[in-house]
Protein backbone atom coordinates (compact mmCIF):
# COMPACT_ATOMS: atom_id res chain seq x y z
CA MET A 1 260.46 86.87 111.57
CA GLY A 2 258.25 88.38 112.86
CA LEU A 3 254.50 88.54 112.98
CA LEU A 4 255.17 91.55 110.70
CA THR A 5 257.20 90.54 107.90
CA ILE A 6 254.54 87.37 108.21
CA ILE A 7 251.96 89.80 107.03
CA GLU A 8 254.00 92.39 104.88
CA LYS A 9 254.61 88.57 103.32
CA PHE A 10 250.46 87.63 102.98
CA GLU A 11 250.05 91.40 101.72
CA ASN A 12 252.60 90.97 98.71
CA PHE A 13 251.30 87.91 98.00
CA VAL A 14 246.95 88.25 98.27
CA GLY A 15 247.82 91.74 97.12
CA VAL A 16 244.94 92.72 100.21
CA ASN A 17 247.27 95.51 103.50
CA PHE A 18 246.00 94.68 106.16
CA TRP A 19 244.89 97.37 107.58
CA THR A 20 241.96 97.70 104.64
CA MET A 21 241.81 94.73 105.96
CA ILE A 22 240.26 95.35 109.35
CA PHE A 23 238.84 99.33 108.14
CA ALA A 24 236.43 97.64 105.53
CA TRP A 25 235.72 94.74 108.76
CA ILE A 26 234.77 97.95 110.54
CA ASN A 27 232.93 99.42 108.53
CA LEU A 28 230.93 96.31 107.68
CA LEU A 29 230.31 95.75 111.37
CA ILE A 30 229.24 99.04 111.37
CA LEU A 31 226.94 99.36 108.46
CA TYR A 32 225.03 95.95 109.84
CA ILE A 33 225.19 97.98 113.22
CA ILE A 34 223.14 100.56 111.40
CA LEU A 35 221.59 98.66 108.78
CA LYS A 36 219.89 96.38 112.01
CA LYS A 37 218.56 99.66 113.43
CA ILE A 38 217.37 101.49 111.21
CA LEU A 39 215.85 98.13 108.07
CA PHE A 40 216.04 95.10 109.38
CA LYS A 41 214.29 95.65 112.37
CA PRO A 42 211.14 98.13 111.21
CA ILE A 43 210.99 95.47 108.03
CA LYS A 44 210.76 92.50 111.47
CA ASN A 45 208.09 94.44 112.71
CA MET A 46 206.10 95.54 109.63
CA ILE A 47 206.81 91.51 108.80
CA ASP A 48 205.66 90.31 112.54
CA SER A 49 203.06 93.10 112.24
CA ARG A 50 201.63 91.23 109.04
CA GLN A 51 201.96 87.79 110.32
CA ARG A 52 199.50 88.92 113.13
CA GLU A 53 197.11 90.81 111.22
CA ILE A 54 196.91 87.39 109.22
CA ASP A 55 197.16 84.99 112.49
CA ASP A 56 193.77 87.28 112.83
CA MET A 57 192.30 87.18 109.82
CA TYR A 58 192.73 83.47 109.93
CA LYS A 59 191.33 83.46 113.66
CA SER A 60 188.30 85.51 112.75
CA ALA A 61 187.69 83.32 109.63
CA GLY A 62 187.75 80.03 112.29
CA ASP A 63 185.23 82.84 113.89
CA SER A 64 183.09 83.08 111.15
CA GLU A 65 183.30 79.90 110.13
CA ARG A 66 182.00 78.28 113.00
CA CYS A 67 179.24 80.76 113.19
CA ALA A 68 178.40 80.17 109.79
CA LYS A 69 177.93 76.58 110.78
CA GLU A 70 176.19 77.98 113.65
CA LEU A 71 173.51 79.25 112.11
CA GLN A 72 173.35 76.93 109.07
CA ALA A 73 172.44 74.73 111.69
CA GLU A 74 169.99 76.43 113.74
CA TYR A 75 168.34 77.28 110.36
CA GLU A 76 167.85 73.49 109.79
CA GLU A 77 166.84 73.32 112.83
CA LYS A 78 164.00 75.63 112.28
CA MET A 79 163.33 74.54 108.41
CA SER A 80 162.74 71.23 110.67
CA ARG A 81 159.89 72.60 113.06
CA ALA A 82 158.58 74.77 110.16
CA LYS A 83 157.91 71.08 108.37
CA ASP A 84 156.59 69.39 111.83
CA GLU A 85 154.58 72.55 112.36
CA SER A 86 153.43 72.56 107.97
CA GLU A 87 152.31 68.66 107.92
CA GLU A 88 150.66 69.31 111.81
CA ILE A 89 148.58 72.63 109.95
CA VAL A 90 147.87 70.34 106.98
CA ARG A 91 147.20 66.81 109.39
CA SER A 92 144.91 69.27 111.61
CA ALA A 93 143.44 70.79 108.65
CA VAL A 94 142.24 66.89 107.13
CA ARG A 95 140.73 66.30 110.60
CA ARG A 96 138.45 68.84 110.81
CA ALA A 97 137.56 68.96 107.15
CA GLN A 98 136.80 65.10 107.76
CA LEU A 99 134.56 65.87 111.46
CA LYS A 100 133.02 69.07 109.35
CA GLU A 101 132.04 66.02 106.32
CA GLU A 102 130.83 63.39 108.92
CA GLU A 103 128.43 66.38 110.21
CA ILE A 104 127.41 67.25 106.78
CA LEU A 105 126.38 64.35 106.28
CA ARG A 106 124.65 63.63 109.67
CA GLU A 107 122.62 66.77 108.73
CA ALA A 108 121.94 65.89 105.53
CA ASN A 109 121.03 62.57 106.89
CA ASP A 110 118.81 63.30 110.12
CA LYS A 111 117.03 66.90 107.50
CA ALA A 112 116.12 63.14 104.91
CA ALA A 113 114.80 61.04 108.40
CA ARG A 114 112.52 64.53 108.53
CA ALA A 115 111.39 64.46 105.85
CA LEU A 116 110.41 60.93 105.07
CA GLU A 117 109.18 60.91 108.13
CA ARG A 118 106.79 63.85 107.46
CA ALA A 119 106.26 62.48 104.20
CA GLU A 120 105.12 58.97 105.45
CA GLU A 121 103.24 61.15 108.41
CA GLN A 122 101.29 62.73 105.48
CA ILE A 123 100.39 59.47 103.46
CA GLU A 124 99.27 58.20 106.86
CA LEU A 125 97.39 61.30 107.03
CA GLU A 126 95.60 60.55 103.05
CA LYS A 127 94.76 57.53 103.90
CA LYS A 128 92.88 58.37 106.69
CA ARG A 129 91.75 60.56 104.50
CA ALA A 130 91.45 58.87 101.69
CA VAL A 131 89.29 56.01 103.67
CA ASN A 132 86.74 58.17 105.24
CA GLU A 133 85.78 59.83 102.28
CA MET A 134 85.17 56.69 101.14
CA LYS A 135 83.50 55.83 103.86
CA ASP A 136 81.54 58.77 103.44
CA GLN A 137 81.26 58.25 100.42
CA VAL A 138 80.70 54.31 100.70
CA SER A 139 78.27 55.70 103.33
CA ALA A 140 76.33 57.24 101.66
CA ILE A 141 75.62 55.24 98.69
CA ALA A 142 75.15 51.80 101.26
CA LEU A 143 72.32 54.86 101.89
CA ASP A 144 70.72 55.20 98.94
CA ILE A 145 71.41 51.12 97.87
CA ALA A 146 69.39 50.09 101.40
CA SER A 147 66.37 52.59 101.01
CA ALA A 148 65.96 51.97 97.90
CA VAL A 149 66.24 47.55 98.93
CA ILE A 150 64.37 48.55 102.14
CA GLY A 151 61.82 50.93 99.97
CA ARG A 152 62.24 52.68 103.78
CA ASP A 153 63.95 55.23 105.43
CA VAL A 154 66.46 54.31 107.34
CA SER A 155 67.20 55.88 111.19
CA GLU A 156 70.73 57.05 111.80
CA ARG A 157 71.13 54.22 114.10
CA ASP A 158 70.29 51.51 111.22
CA HIS A 159 72.43 54.05 108.85
CA GLU A 160 75.45 53.42 111.16
CA GLU A 161 75.44 49.87 112.02
CA LEU A 162 74.82 48.98 107.88
CA ILE A 163 78.00 51.16 107.16
CA ASN A 164 80.17 49.48 109.98
CA GLU A 165 79.32 46.10 108.58
CA PHE A 166 79.76 46.82 104.88
CA ILE A 167 83.23 48.21 105.56
CA GLU A 168 83.41 44.47 107.24
CA ASN A 169 82.51 42.54 104.52
CA MET A 170 84.65 44.79 102.55
CA GLY A 171 87.70 44.15 104.66
CA ASN A 172 87.44 40.91 104.52
CA ASP A 173 86.84 40.44 100.87
CA LYS A 174 90.89 41.26 100.64
């Protein structure tokens, strides 16, 4: 009972021919090698290529996200600076407006003071003119009265003395 008889008995029992099975295995091996060369390597290369593309896309997306965050931070910083600048411009405008207001008020007060001084000077001049007119009128009346009372003409010098005396007496009555 040799090996061949065992194989023959096995073949008869299983119903498989040993040589057929060996050829089937050899055919399977050849098919595997052919498929590996023709099908598996290109598919693996395609899958690896797709994986690299996906990895590149993730990397690009990460880079884009970092860039977007940097741009957002830069934008927020610029907006903050713009807000600070606008607040400074408003403060500056308010300060200039206050200074202008003070200047206008100062000019108005100066003009009012000058107008008041001119008015006071004019009033003083009018008073002096009125007093002088009254002096002239009083002296004329006094001269007429003195001439009538004394019955004679009064000289210029006497006339001035009478006027001054009359004015002094008028000042004492008040």
